[in-house]
Amino acid sequence: MDYDPRELFGKRLVELRKAKGWSQEKLALESGLARSYVGGIERGQRNIALYNICVLAETLEVVPSDMLAFEIEPVKTSRHK
């Protein structure tokens, strides 16, 4: 894999959180998750359990699959002849 899914998920979580105008603290409070855990997820430093993806999706009023709708940038490869 040429990308880190934890980083991509974290960026997507930031997008969804900011779309609601929420801080990390507000998301943590509303979801019942620790703010430090939410921050770690957003920075791509934590593996998130499926259960917590569902908790965050419900809190952000999106379906869980929206949490995984992140863009994977194609990796440029050089062609040698």
PDB file of N, CA and C in Angstrom:
ATOM      1  N   MET A   1       0.845  -1.169   0.000  1.00  0.00           N
ATOM      2  CA  MET A   1       0.000   0.000   0.000  1.00  0.00           C
ATOM      3  C   MET A   1       0.895   1.239   0.000  1.00  0.00           C
ATOM      4  N   ASP A   2       0.574   2.156  -0.874  1.00  0.00           N
ATOM      5  CA  ASP A   2       1.361   3.382  -0.971  1.00  0.00           C
ATOM      6  C   ASP A   2       0.717   4.543  -0.224  1.00  0.00           C
ATOM      7  N   TYR A   3      -0.210   4.246   0.648  1.00  0.00           N
ATOM      8  CA  TYR A   3      -0.875   5.275   1.438  1.00  0.00           C
ATOM      9  C   TYR A   3      -1.193   4.693   2.808  1.00  0.00           C
ATOM     10  N   ASP A   4      -1.425   5.579   3.757  1.00  0.00           N
ATOM     11  CA  ASP A   4      -1.774   5.139   5.107  1.00  0.00           C
ATOM     12  C   ASP A   4      -3.263   5.400   5.318  1.00  0.00           C
ATOM     13  N   PRO A   5      -4.080   4.353   5.396  1.00  0.00           N
ATOM     14  CA  PRO A   5      -5.516   4.559   5.558  1.00  0.00           C
ATOM     15  C   PRO A   5      -5.870   5.310   6.840  1.00  0.00           C
ATOM     16  N   ARG A   6      -5.020   5.212   7.855  1.00  0.00           N
ATOM     17  CA  ARG A   6      -5.292   5.957   9.093  1.00  0.00           C
ATOM     18  C   ARG A   6      -5.220   7.457   8.842  1.00  0.00           C
ATOM     19  N   GLU A   7      -4.241   7.887   8.033  1.00  0.00           N
ATOM     20  CA  GLU A   7      -4.119   9.313   7.711  1.00  0.00           C
ATOM     21  C   GLU A   7      -5.289   9.783   6.856  1.00  0.00           C
ATOM     22  N   LEU A   8      -5.675   8.975   5.875  1.00  0.00           N
ATOM     23  CA  LEU A   8      -6.802   9.341   5.015  1.00  0.00           C
ATOM     24  C   LEU A   8      -8.100   9.411   5.811  1.00  0.00           C
ATOM     25  N   PHE A   9      -8.299   8.448   6.713  1.00  0.00           N
ATOM     26  CA  PHE A   9      -9.498   8.467   7.551  1.00  0.00           C
ATOM     27  C   PHE A   9      -9.491   9.706   8.440  1.00  0.00           C
ATOM     28  N   GLY A  10      -8.336  10.023   9.005  1.00  0.00           N
ATOM     29  CA  GLY A  10      -8.227  11.198   9.865  1.00  0.00           C
ATOM     30  C   GLY A  10      -8.570  12.479   9.136  1.00  0.00           C
ATOM     31  N   LYS A  11      -8.077  12.622   7.915  1.00  0.00           N
ATOM     32  CA  LYS A  11      -8.394  13.815   7.117  1.00  0.00           C
ATOM     33  C   LYS A  11      -9.885  13.888   6.825  1.00  0.00           C
ATOM     34  N   ARG A  12     -10.486  12.738   6.537  1.00  0.00           N
ATOM     35  CA  ARG A  12     -11.925  12.702   6.265  1.00  0.00           C
ATOM     36  C   ARG A  12     -12.714  13.076   7.512  1.00  0.00           C
ATOM     37  N   LEU A  13     -12.285  12.604   8.663  1.00  0.00           N
ATOM     38  CA  LEU A  13     -12.958  12.953   9.911  1.00  0.00           C
ATOM     39  C   LEU A  13     -12.885  14.454  10.155  1.00  0.00           C
ATOM     40  N   VAL A  14     -11.739  15.058   9.903  1.00  0.00           N
ATOM     41  CA  VAL A  14     -11.598  16.512  10.054  1.00  0.00           C
ATOM     42  C   VAL A  14     -12.589  17.228   9.134  1.00  0.00           C
ATOM     43  N   GLU A  15     -12.685  16.784   7.878  1.00  0.00           N
ATOM     44  CA  GLU A  15     -13.619  17.403   6.925  1.00  0.00           C
ATOM     45  C   GLU A  15     -15.051  17.351   7.448  1.00  0.00           C
ATOM     46  N   LEU A  16     -15.468  16.183   7.905  1.00  0.00           N
ATOM     47  CA  LEU A  16     -16.839  16.013   8.382  1.00  0.00           C
ATOM     48  C   LEU A  16     -17.098  16.817   9.652  1.00  0.00           C
ATOM     49  N   ARG A  17     -16.115  16.840  10.541  1.00  0.00           N
ATOM     50  CA  ARG A  17     -16.265  17.602  11.793  1.00  0.00           C
ATOM     51  C   ARG A  17     -16.376  19.094  11.499  1.00  0.00           C
ATOM     52  N   LYS A  18     -15.487  19.602  10.644  1.00  0.00           N
ATOM     53  CA  LYS A  18     -15.493  21.032  10.322  1.00  0.00           C
ATOM     54  C   LYS A  18     -16.748  21.433   9.546  1.00  0.00           C
ATOM     55  N   ALA A  19     -17.302  20.509   8.762  1.00  0.00           N
ATOM     56  CA  ALA A  19     -18.543  20.788   8.033  1.00  0.00           C
ATOM     57  C   ALA A  19     -19.689  21.088   9.002  1.00  0.00           C
ATOM     58  N   LYS A  20     -19.615  20.524  10.205  1.00  0.00           N
ATOM     59  CA  LYS A  20     -20.615  20.807  11.241  1.00  0.00           C
ATOM     60  C   LYS A  20     -20.240  22.024  12.081  1.00  0.00           C
ATOM     61  N   GLY A  21     -19.030  22.550  11.855  1.00  0.00           N
ATOM     62  CA  GLY A  21     -18.578  23.696  12.636  1.00  0.00           C
ATOM     63  C   GLY A  21     -18.166  23.326  14.050  1.00  0.00           C
ATOM     64  N   TRP A  22     -17.754  22.076  14.239  1.00  0.00           N
ATOM     65  CA  TRP A  22     -17.418  21.580  15.567  1.00  0.00           C
ATOM     66  C   TRP A  22     -15.918  21.553  15.800  1.00  0.00           C
ATOM     67  N   SER A  23     -15.549  21.730  17.053  1.00  0.00           N
ATOM     68  CA  SER A  23     -14.166  21.529  17.493  1.00  0.00           C
ATOM     69  C   SER A  23     -13.987  20.047  17.827  1.00  0.00           C
ATOM     70  N   GLN A  24     -12.738  19.646  18.026  1.00  0.00           N
ATOM     71  CA  GLN A  24     -12.485  18.271  18.482  1.00  0.00           C
ATOM     72  C   GLN A  24     -13.173  18.035  19.819  1.00  0.00           C
ATOM     73  N   GLU A  25     -13.134  19.033  20.668  1.00  0.00           N
ATOM     74  CA  GLU A  25     -13.741  18.889  21.991  1.00  0.00           C
ATOM     75  C   GLU A  25     -15.246  18.662  21.890  1.00  0.00           C
ATOM     76  N   LYS A  26     -15.908  19.398  21.002  1.00  0.00           N
ATOM     77  CA  LYS A  26     -17.352  19.237  20.811  1.00  0.00           C
ATOM     78  C   LYS A  26     -17.667  17.835  20.278  1.00  0.00           C
ATOM     79  N   LEU A  27     -16.884  17.372  19.301  1.00  0.00           N
ATOM     80  CA  LEU A  27     -17.095  16.027  18.757  1.00  0.00           C
ATOM     81  C   LEU A  27     -16.891  14.975  19.840  1.00  0.00           C
ATOM     82  N   ALA A  28     -15.863  15.153  20.635  1.00  0.00           N
ATOM     83  CA  ALA A  28     -15.597  14.207  21.721  1.00  0.00           C
ATOM     84  C   ALA A  28     -16.752  14.194  22.720  1.00  0.00           C
ATOM     85  N   LEU A  29     -17.213  15.368  23.092  1.00  0.00           N
ATOM     86  CA  LEU A  29     -18.309  15.474  24.055  1.00  0.00           C
ATOM     87  C   LEU A  29     -19.577  14.814  23.513  1.00  0.00           C
ATOM     88  N   GLU A  30     -19.909  15.101  22.268  1.00  0.00           N
ATOM     89  CA  GLU A  30     -21.135  14.566  21.674  1.00  0.00           C
ATOM     90  C   GLU A  30     -21.061  13.053  21.440  1.00  0.00           C
ATOM     91  N   SER A  31     -19.866  12.551  21.140  1.00  0.00           N
ATOM     92  CA  SER A  31     -19.713  11.123  20.825  1.00  0.00           C
ATOM     93  C   SER A  31     -19.426  10.260  22.049  1.00  0.00           C
ATOM     94  N   GLY A  32     -18.957  10.886  23.127  1.00  0.00           N
ATOM     95  CA  GLY A  32     -18.575  10.116  24.305  1.00  0.00           C
ATOM     96  C   GLY A  32     -17.171   9.546  24.225  1.00  0.00           C
ATOM     97  N   LEU A  33     -16.410   9.954  23.206  1.00  0.00           N
ATOM     98  CA  LEU A  33     -15.021   9.512  23.066  1.00  0.00           C
ATOM     99  C   LEU A  33     -14.098  10.568  23.660  1.00  0.00           C
ATOM    100  N   ALA A  34     -12.930  10.159  24.091  1.00  0.00           N
ATOM    101  CA  ALA A  34     -11.962  11.101  24.666  1.00  0.00           C
ATOM    102  C   ALA A  34     -11.438  12.044  23.583  1.00  0.00           C
ATOM    103  N   ARG A  35     -11.243  13.311  23.941  1.00  0.00           N
ATOM    104  CA  ARG A  35     -10.732  14.285  22.983  1.00  0.00           C
ATOM    105  C   ARG A  35      -9.365  13.875  22.465  1.00  0.00           C
ATOM    106  N   SER A  36      -8.531  13.319  23.336  1.00  0.00           N
ATOM    107  CA  SER A  36      -7.195  12.888  22.910  1.00  0.00           C
ATOM    108  C   SER A  36      -7.285  11.746  21.895  1.00  0.00           C
ATOM    109  N   TYR A  37      -8.283  10.889  22.044  1.00  0.00           N
ATOM    110  CA  TYR A  37      -8.497   9.796  21.089  1.00  0.00           C
ATOM    111  C   TYR A  37      -8.940  10.353  19.735  1.00  0.00           C
ATOM    112  N   VAL A  38      -9.886  11.292  19.761  1.00  0.00           N
ATOM    113  CA  VAL A  38     -10.352  11.932  18.526  1.00  0.00           C
ATOM    114  C   VAL A  38      -9.183  12.627  17.830  1.00  0.00           C
ATOM    115  N   GLY A  39      -8.363  13.341  18.598  1.00  0.00           N
ATOM    116  CA  GLY A  39      -7.193  14.010  18.029  1.00  0.00           C
ATOM    117  C   GLY A  39      -6.218  13.026  17.409  1.00  0.00           C
ATOM    118  N   GLY A  40      -5.992  11.917  18.070  1.00  0.00           N
ATOM    119  CA  GLY A  40      -5.100  10.886  17.544  1.00  0.00           C
ATOM    120  C   GLY A  40      -5.624  10.281  16.252  1.00  0.00           C
ATOM    121  N   ILE A  41      -6.926  10.100  16.176  1.00  0.00           N
ATOM    122  CA  ILE A  41      -7.536   9.590  14.943  1.00  0.00           C
ATOM    123  C   ILE A  41      -7.326  10.600  13.819  1.00  0.00           C
ATOM    124  N   GLU A  42      -7.602  11.864  14.107  1.00  0.00           N
ATOM    125  CA  GLU A  42      -7.477  12.901  13.081  1.00  0.00           C
ATOM    126  C   GLU A  42      -6.039  13.055  12.591  1.00  0.00           C
ATOM    127  N   ARG A  43      -5.080  12.798  13.440  1.00  0.00           N
ATOM    128  CA  ARG A  43      -3.666  12.893  13.041  1.00  0.00           C
ATOM    129  C   ARG A  43      -3.164  11.606  12.385  1.00  0.00           C
ATOM    130  N   GLY A  44      -4.020  10.594  12.297  1.00  0.00           N
ATOM    131  CA  GLY A  44      -3.628   9.330  11.683  1.00  0.00           C
ATOM    132  C   GLY A  44      -2.736   8.492  12.569  1.00  0.00           C
ATOM    133  N   GLN A  45      -2.799   8.724  13.870  1.00  0.00           N
ATOM    134  CA  GLN A  45      -1.939   8.015  14.814  1.00  0.00           C
ATOM    135  C   GLN A  45      -2.640   6.863  15.521  1.00  0.00           C
ATOM    136  N   ARG A  46      -3.940   6.726  15.310  1.00  0.00           N
ATOM    137  CA  ARG A  46      -4.703   5.686  16.013  1.00  0.00           C
ATOM    138  C   ARG A  46      -5.415   4.792  15.014  1.00  0.00           C
ATOM    139  N   ASN A  47      -5.456   3.513  15.312  1.00  0.00           N
ATOM    140  CA  ASN A  47      -6.326   2.594  14.581  1.00  0.00           C
ATOM    141  C   ASN A  47      -7.699   2.722  15.211  1.00  0.00           C
ATOM    142  N   ILE A  48      -8.704   2.918  14.399  1.00  0.00           N
ATOM    143  CA  ILE A  48     -10.046   3.096  14.942  1.00  0.00           C
ATOM    144  C   ILE A  48     -10.857   1.817  14.744  1.00  0.00           C
ATOM    145  N   ALA A  49     -11.573   1.437  15.766  1.00  0.00           N
ATOM    146  CA  ALA A  49     -12.423   0.246  15.706  1.00  0.00           C
ATOM    147  C   ALA A  49     -13.693   0.551  14.914  1.00  0.00           C
ATOM    148  N   LEU A  50     -14.242  -0.474  14.290  1.00  0.00           N
ATOM    149  CA  LEU A  50     -15.479  -0.331  13.530  1.00  0.00           C
ATOM    150  C   LEU A  50     -16.581   0.273  14.396  1.00  0.00           C
ATOM    151  N   TYR A  51     -16.665  -0.157  15.631  1.00  0.00           N
ATOM    152  CA  TYR A  51     -17.689   0.379  16.537  1.00  0.00           C
ATOM    153  C   TYR A  51     -17.557   1.892  16.657  1.00  0.00           C
ATOM    154  N   ASN A  52     -16.325   2.388  16.815  1.00  0.00           N
ATOM    155  CA  ASN A  52     -16.123   3.826  16.972  1.00  0.00           C
ATOM    156  C   ASN A  52     -16.365   4.586  15.674  1.00  0.00           C
ATOM    157  N   ILE A  53     -16.125   3.943  14.524  1.00  0.00           N
ATOM    158  CA  ILE A  53     -16.497   4.571  13.252  1.00  0.00           C
ATOM    159  C   ILE A  53     -18.006   4.797  13.237  1.00  0.00           C
ATOM    160  N   CYS A  54     -18.754   3.799  13.674  1.00  0.00           N
ATOM    161  CA  CYS A  54     -20.216   3.912  13.710  1.00  0.00           C
ATOM    162  C   CYS A  54     -20.675   4.969  14.712  1.00  0.00           C
ATOM    163  N   VAL A  55     -20.023   5.048  15.856  1.00  0.00           N
ATOM    164  CA  VAL A  55     -20.352   6.069  16.858  1.00  0.00           C
ATOM    165  C   VAL A  55     -20.123   7.464  16.277  1.00  0.00           C
ATOM    166  N   LEU A  56     -18.969   7.664  15.649  1.00  0.00           N
ATOM    167  CA  LEU A  56     -18.665   8.973  15.071  1.00  0.00           C
ATOM    168  C   LEU A  56     -19.621   9.308  13.930  1.00  0.00           C
ATOM    169  N   ALA A  57     -19.947   8.331  13.099  1.00  0.00           N
ATOM    170  CA  ALA A  57     -20.881   8.566  11.994  1.00  0.00           C
ATOM    171  C   ALA A  57     -22.242   9.000  12.527  1.00  0.00           C
ATOM    172  N   GLU A  58     -22.736   8.303  13.533  1.00  0.00           N
ATOM    173  CA  GLU A  58     -24.025   8.668  14.117  1.00  0.00           C
ATOM    174  C   GLU A  58     -23.966  10.069  14.716  1.00  0.00           C
ATOM    175  N   THR A  59     -22.886  10.369  15.397  1.00  0.00           N
ATOM    176  CA  THR A  59     -22.723  11.681  16.018  1.00  0.00           C
ATOM    177  C   THR A  59     -22.696  12.786  14.965  1.00  0.00           C
ATOM    178  N   LEU A  60     -22.019  12.519  13.849  1.00  0.00           N
ATOM    179  CA  LEU A  60     -21.893  13.514  12.778  1.00  0.00           C
ATOM    180  C   LEU A  60     -23.072  13.476  11.803  1.00  0.00           C
ATOM    181  N   GLU A  61     -24.028  12.580  12.058  1.00  0.00           N
ATOM    182  CA  GLU A  61     -25.234  12.441  11.246  1.00  0.00           C
ATOM    183  C   GLU A  61     -24.918  12.091   9.791  1.00  0.00           C
ATOM    184  N   VAL A  62     -24.008  11.130   9.634  1.00  0.00           N
ATOM    185  CA  VAL A  62     -23.688  10.575   8.317  1.00  0.00           C
ATOM    186  C   VAL A  62     -23.751   9.056   8.432  1.00  0.00           C
ATOM    187  N   VAL A  63     -23.795   8.382   7.305  1.00  0.00           N
ATOM    188  CA  VAL A  63     -23.743   6.918   7.342  1.00  0.00           C
ATOM    189  C   VAL A  63     -22.284   6.502   7.480  1.00  0.00           C
ATOM    190  N   PRO A  64     -22.022   5.360   8.101  1.00  0.00           N
ATOM    191  CA  PRO A  64     -20.632   4.946   8.303  1.00  0.00           C
ATOM    192  C   PRO A  64     -19.796   4.915   7.024  1.00  0.00           C
ATOM    193  N   SER A  65     -20.405   4.554   5.901  1.00  0.00           N
ATOM    194  CA  SER A  65     -19.627   4.510   4.655  1.00  0.00           C
ATOM    195  C   SER A  65     -19.114   5.890   4.255  1.00  0.00           C
ATOM    196  N   ASP A  66     -19.812   6.956   4.664  1.00  0.00           N
ATOM    197  CA  ASP A  66     -19.317   8.318   4.388  1.00  0.00           C
ATOM    198  C   ASP A  66     -17.997   8.586   5.099  1.00  0.00           C
ATOM    199  N   MET A  67     -17.789   7.921   6.215  1.00  0.00           N
ATOM    200  CA  MET A  67     -16.543   8.107   6.953  1.00  0.00           C
ATOM    201  C   MET A  67     -15.355   7.556   6.158  1.00  0.00           C
ATOM    202  N   LEU A  68     -15.638   6.590   5.285  1.00  0.00           N
ATOM    203  CA  LEU A  68     -14.578   5.942   4.507  1.00  0.00           C
ATOM    204  C   LEU A  68     -14.483   6.484   3.083  1.00  0.00           C
ATOM    205  N   ALA A  69     -15.218   7.541   2.795  1.00  0.00           N
ATOM    206  CA  ALA A  69     -15.225   8.116   1.443  1.00  0.00           C
ATOM    207  C   ALA A  69     -14.088   9.117   1.293  1.00  0.00           C
ATOM    208  N   PHE A  70     -12.867   8.608   1.410  1.00  0.00           N
ATOM    209  CA  PHE A  70     -11.716   9.492   1.264  1.00  0.00           C
ATOM    210  C   PHE A  70     -11.053   9.266  -0.080  1.00  0.00           C
ATOM    211  N   GLU A  71     -10.344  10.283  -0.526  1.00  0.00           N
ATOM    212  CA  GLU A  71      -9.664  10.241  -1.820  1.00  0.00           C
ATOM    213  C   GLU A  71      -8.298   9.586  -1.662  1.00  0.00           C
ATOM    214  N   ILE A  72      -8.021   8.649  -2.526  1.00  0.00           N
ATOM    215  CA  ILE A  72      -6.693   8.040  -2.569  1.00  0.00           C
ATOM    216  C   ILE A  72      -6.000   8.597  -3.800  1.00  0.00           C
ATOM    217  N   GLU A  73      -4.938   9.337  -3.564  1.00  0.00           N
ATOM    218  CA  GLU A  73      -4.210   9.940  -4.672  1.00  0.00           C
ATOM    219  C   GLU A  73      -3.400   8.867  -5.381  1.00  0.00           C
ATOM    220  N   PRO A  74      -3.503   8.818  -6.717  1.00  0.00           N
ATOM    221  CA  PRO A  74      -2.708   7.816  -7.433  1.00  0.00           C
ATOM    222  C   PRO A  74      -1.220   8.083  -7.274  1.00  0.00           C
ATOM    223  N   VAL A  75      -0.485   7.011  -7.147  1.00  0.00           N
ATOM    224  CA  VAL A  75       0.966   7.127  -7.002  1.00  0.00           C
ATOM    225  C   VAL A  75       1.571   7.197  -8.392  1.00  0.00           C
ATOM    226  N   LYS A  76       2.405   8.198  -8.584  1.00  0.00           N
ATOM    227  CA  LYS A  76       3.055   8.349  -9.884  1.00  0.00           C
ATOM    228  C   LYS A  76       4.205   7.355  -9.980  1.00  0.00           C
ATOM    229  N   THR A  77       4.232   6.641 -11.068  1.00  0.00           N
ATOM    230  CA  THR A  77       5.322   5.692 -11.294  1.00  0.00           C
ATOM    231  C   THR A  77       6.093   6.129 -12.523  1.00  0.00           C
ATOM    232  N   SER A  78       7.366   5.912 -12.493  1.00  0.00           N
ATOM    233  CA  SER A  78       8.178   6.255 -13.662  1.00  0.00           C
ATOM    234  C   SER A  78       8.268   5.036 -14.560  1.00  0.00           C
ATOM    235  N   ARG A  79       8.234   5.291 -15.832  1.00  0.00           N
ATOM    236  CA  ARG A  79       8.322   4.189 -16.797  1.00  0.00           C
ATOM    237  C   ARG A  79       9.714   4.178 -17.396  1.00  0.00           C
ATOM    238  N   HIS A  80      10.362   3.061 -17.271  1.00  0.00           N
ATOM    239  CA  HIS A  80      11.706   2.902 -17.829  1.00  0.00           C
ATOM    240  C   HIS A  80      11.618   2.030 -19.068  1.00  0.00           C
ATOM    241  N   LYS A  81      12.272   2.455 -20.137  1.00  0.00           N
ATOM    242  CA  LYS A  81      12.288   1.655 -21.372  1.00  0.00           C
ATOM    243  C   LYS A  81      13.636   1.047 -21.596  1.00  0.00           C
TER     244      LYS A  81
END
